[in-house]
C-alpha atoms as a PDB file:
ATOM      1  CA  ASN A   1     189.849-167.994 150.308  1.00  0.00           C
ATOM      2  CA  GLN A   2     186.402-167.317 148.889  1.00  0.00           C
ATOM      3  CA  ASN A   3     184.669-164.082 148.041  1.00  0.00           C
ATOM      4  CA  VAL A   4     180.892-163.891 147.977  1.00  0.00           C
ATOM      5  CA  LEU A   5     179.061-161.356 145.822  1.00  0.00           C
ATOM      6  CA  GLN A   6     175.276-161.170 145.825  1.00  0.00           C
ATOM      7  CA  HIS A   7     172.470-159.270 144.175  1.00  0.00           C
ATOM      8  CA  GLN A   8     172.787-156.700 141.409  1.00  0.00           C
ATOM      9  CA  HIS A   9     175.964-155.879 139.527  1.00  0.00           C
ATOM     10  CA  HIS A  10     174.253-154.675 136.358  1.00  0.00           C
ATOM     11  CA  GLN A  11     176.691-153.026 133.909  1.00  0.00           C
ATOM     12  CA  HIS A  12     179.663-153.180 136.291  1.00  0.00           C
ATOM     13  CA  SER A  13     183.157-153.885 135.075  1.00  0.00           C
ATOM     14  CA  PHE A  14     185.387-156.546 136.576  1.00  0.00           C
ATOM     15  CA  TYR A  15     188.012-155.921 133.883  1.00  0.00           C
ATOM     16  CA  GLN A  16     191.313-157.686 134.647  1.00  0.00           C
ATOM     17  CA  LEU A  17     190.311-158.497 138.247  1.00  0.00           C
ATOM     18  CA  ASN A  18     191.344-161.633 140.070  1.00  0.00           C
ATOM     19  CA  LEU A  19     188.015-163.136 141.122  1.00  0.00           C
ATOM     20  CA  GLN A  20     189.268-166.675 141.545  1.00  0.00           C
ATOM     21  CA  ASN A  21     187.060-168.717 143.928  1.00  0.00           C
ATOM     22  CA  THR A  22     184.376-166.012 144.009  1.00  0.00           C
ATOM     23  CA  ASN A  23     180.801-167.128 144.664  1.00  0.00           C
ATOM     24  CA  PHE A  24     178.249-165.054 142.767  1.00  0.00           C
ATOM     25  CA  ILE A  25     174.907-165.891 144.436  1.00  0.00           C
ATOM     26  CA  ASN A  26     171.462-164.887 143.141  1.00  0.00           C
ATOM     27  CA  SER A  27     173.096-162.091 141.153  1.00  0.00           C
ATOM     28  CA  ASN A  28     171.975-160.050 138.188  1.00  0.00           C
ATOM     29  CA  LEU A  29     175.197-159.898 136.173  1.00  0.00           C
ATOM     30  CA  GLN A  30     173.647-158.588 132.974  1.00  0.00           C
ATOM     31  CA  GLU A  31     176.088-156.662 130.777  1.00  0.00           C
ATOM     32  CA  VAL A  32     178.928-157.083 133.290  1.00  0.00           C
ATOM     33  CA  ASP A  33     182.391-156.917 131.716  1.00  0.00           C
ATOM     34  CA  PHE A  34     184.611-159.845 132.756  1.00  0.00           C
ATOM     35  CA  THR A  35     187.264-159.136 130.084  1.00  0.00           C
ATOM     36  CA  GLU A  36     190.669-160.584 131.032  1.00  0.00           C
ATOM     37  CA  SER A  37     189.434-161.484 134.530  1.00  0.00           C
ATOM     38  CA  ASN A  38     190.444-164.597 136.419  1.00  0.00           C
ATOM     39  CA  LEU A  39     187.237-166.427 137.326  1.00  0.00           C
ATOM     40  CA  SER A  40     188.839-169.824 137.878  1.00  0.00           C
ATOM     41  CA  LYS A  41     186.762-171.915 140.284  1.00  0.00           C
ATOM     42  CA  ALA A  42     184.118-169.171 140.488  1.00  0.00           C
ATOM     43  CA  ILE A  43     180.548-170.255 141.150  1.00  0.00           C
ATOM     44  CA  PHE A  44     177.654-168.560 139.368  1.00  0.00           C
ATOM     45  CA  ASP A  45     174.767-169.756 141.550  1.00  0.00           C
ATOM     46  CA  ASN A  46     171.400-168.731 140.100  1.00  0.00           C
ATOM     47  CA  CYS A  47     172.930-165.804 138.180  1.00  0.00           C
ATOM     48  CA  ASP A  48     171.634-164.035 135.084  1.00  0.00           C
ATOM     49  CA  LEU A  49     174.567-163.386 132.719  1.00  0.00           C
ATOM     50  CA  ASN A  50     172.592-161.892 129.837  1.00  0.00           C
ATOM     51  CA  ASN A  51     174.980-159.888 127.611  1.00  0.00           C
ATOM     52  CA  ALA A  52     177.867-160.329 130.064  1.00  0.00           C
ATOM     53  CA  ILE A  53     181.210-159.966 128.293  1.00  0.00           C
ATOM     54  CA  PHE A  54     183.709-162.823 128.467  1.00  0.00           C
ATOM     55  CA  ASP A  55     186.853-162.006 126.467  1.00  0.00           C
ATOM     56  CA  GLN A  56     190.212-163.609 127.276  1.00  0.00           C
ATOM     57  CA  THR A  57     188.640-164.632 130.599  1.00  0.00           C
ATOM     58  CA  ARG A  58     189.967-167.498 132.708  1.00  0.00           C
ATOM     59  CA  LEU A  59     187.034-169.750 133.541  1.00  0.00           C
ATOM     60  CA  GLU A  60     188.803-173.008 134.423  1.00  0.00           C
ATOM     61  CA  LYS A  61     186.651-175.091 136.781  1.00  0.00           C
ATOM     62  CA  ALA A  62     184.017-172.341 136.974  1.00  0.00           C
ATOM     63  CA  ASN A  63     180.539-173.561 137.845  1.00  0.00           C
ATOM     64  CA  PHE A  64     177.701-172.447 135.552  1.00  0.00           C
ATOM     65  CA  ILE A  65     175.271-175.246 136.500  1.00  0.00           C
ATOM     66  CA  THR A  66     172.497-172.905 137.698  1.00  0.00           C
ATOM     67  CA  ALA A  67     173.549-169.842 135.648  1.00  0.00           C
ATOM     68  CA  SER A  68     171.461-168.564 132.767  1.00  0.00           C
ATOM     69  CA  ASN A  69     171.709-166.490 129.597  1.00  0.00           C
ATOM     70  CA  PHE A  70     175.482-166.642 129.222  1.00  0.00           C
ATOM     71  CA  ASN A  71     177.331-166.575 125.913  1.00  0.00           C
ATOM     72  CA  ILE A  72     180.945-167.734 126.144  1.00  0.00           C
ATOM     73  CA  ASN A  73     183.128-168.207 123.086  1.00  0.00           C
ATOM     74  CA  HIS A  74     185.372-171.111 124.037  1.00  0.00           C
ATOM     75  CA  SER A  75     188.016-170.132 121.463  1.00  0.00           C
ATOM     76  CA  GLU A  76     188.499-166.736 123.155  1.00  0.00           C
ATOM     77  CA  ASN A  77     188.258-167.893 126.784  1.00  0.00           C
ATOM     78  CA  SER A  78     189.841-170.633 128.842  1.00  0.00           C
ATOM     79  CA  ILE A  79     186.994-172.867 130.056  1.00  0.00           C
ATOM     80  CA  LYS A  80     188.749-176.171 130.739  1.00  0.00           C
ATOM     81  CA  ASN A  81     186.839-178.280 133.275  1.00  0.00           C
ATOM     82  CA  ALA A  82     184.016-175.734 133.637  1.00  0.00           C
ATOM     83  CA  LYS A  83     180.765-177.222 134.950  1.00  0.00           C
ATOM     84  CA  LEU A  84     177.521-176.845 133.012  1.00  0.00           C
ATOM     85  CA  GLN A  85     174.163-178.543 132.682  1.00  0.00           C
ATOM     86  CA  LYS A  86     173.184-179.938 129.319  1.00  0.00           C
ATOM     87  CA  GLU A  87     170.258-177.485 129.390  1.00  0.00           C
ATOM     88  CA  ASN A  88     172.582-174.452 129.468  1.00  0.00           C
ATOM     89  CA  ILE A  89     175.304-175.696 127.113  1.00  0.00           C
ATOM     90  CA  ILE A  90     173.701-173.537 124.416  1.00  0.00           C
ATOM     91  CA  GLY A  91     175.661-170.664 125.980  1.00  0.00           C
ATOM     92  CA  LEU A  92     178.843-172.218 124.597  1.00  0.00           C
ATOM     93  CA  LEU A  93     177.417-172.771 121.133  1.00  0.00           C
ATOM     94  CA  LYS A  94     176.001-169.333 120.299  1.00  0.00           C
ATOM     95  CA  SER A  95     179.327-168.148 118.870  1.00  0.00           C
ATOM     96  CA  PHE A  96     179.044-170.806 116.137  1.00  0.00           C
ATOM     97  CA  ASN A  97     175.847-169.225 114.751  1.00  0.00           C
ATOM     98  CA  ILE A  98     174.125-172.591 114.488  1.00  0.00           C
ATOM     99  CA  SER A  99     170.478-173.416 115.071  1.00  0.00           C
ATOM    100  CA  ILE A 100     169.654-176.018 117.700  1.00  0.00           C
ATOM    101  CA  ASP A 101     166.116-177.390 118.010  1.00  0.00           C
END
């Protein structure tokens, strides 16, 4: 059972929705609110997540390999077995307020 969402979802709210197995493809997800959503096994294929809100969000096995501009605090979200590229891992480190060169 897979849902596919494409294109622009700028400033939408997916608050508390079950979006497990959803494929977000070529989507502008800037400022989207994913608070308390279930995004387990979701795929963010070529998606811009600038200022998207992840708070108490289930992201187990989610795929962020081609996603960009995300900021996910791993202590406030469940991200076990999520997939990332080493180039976009900075999105997991921003909450530590450290400088990486």
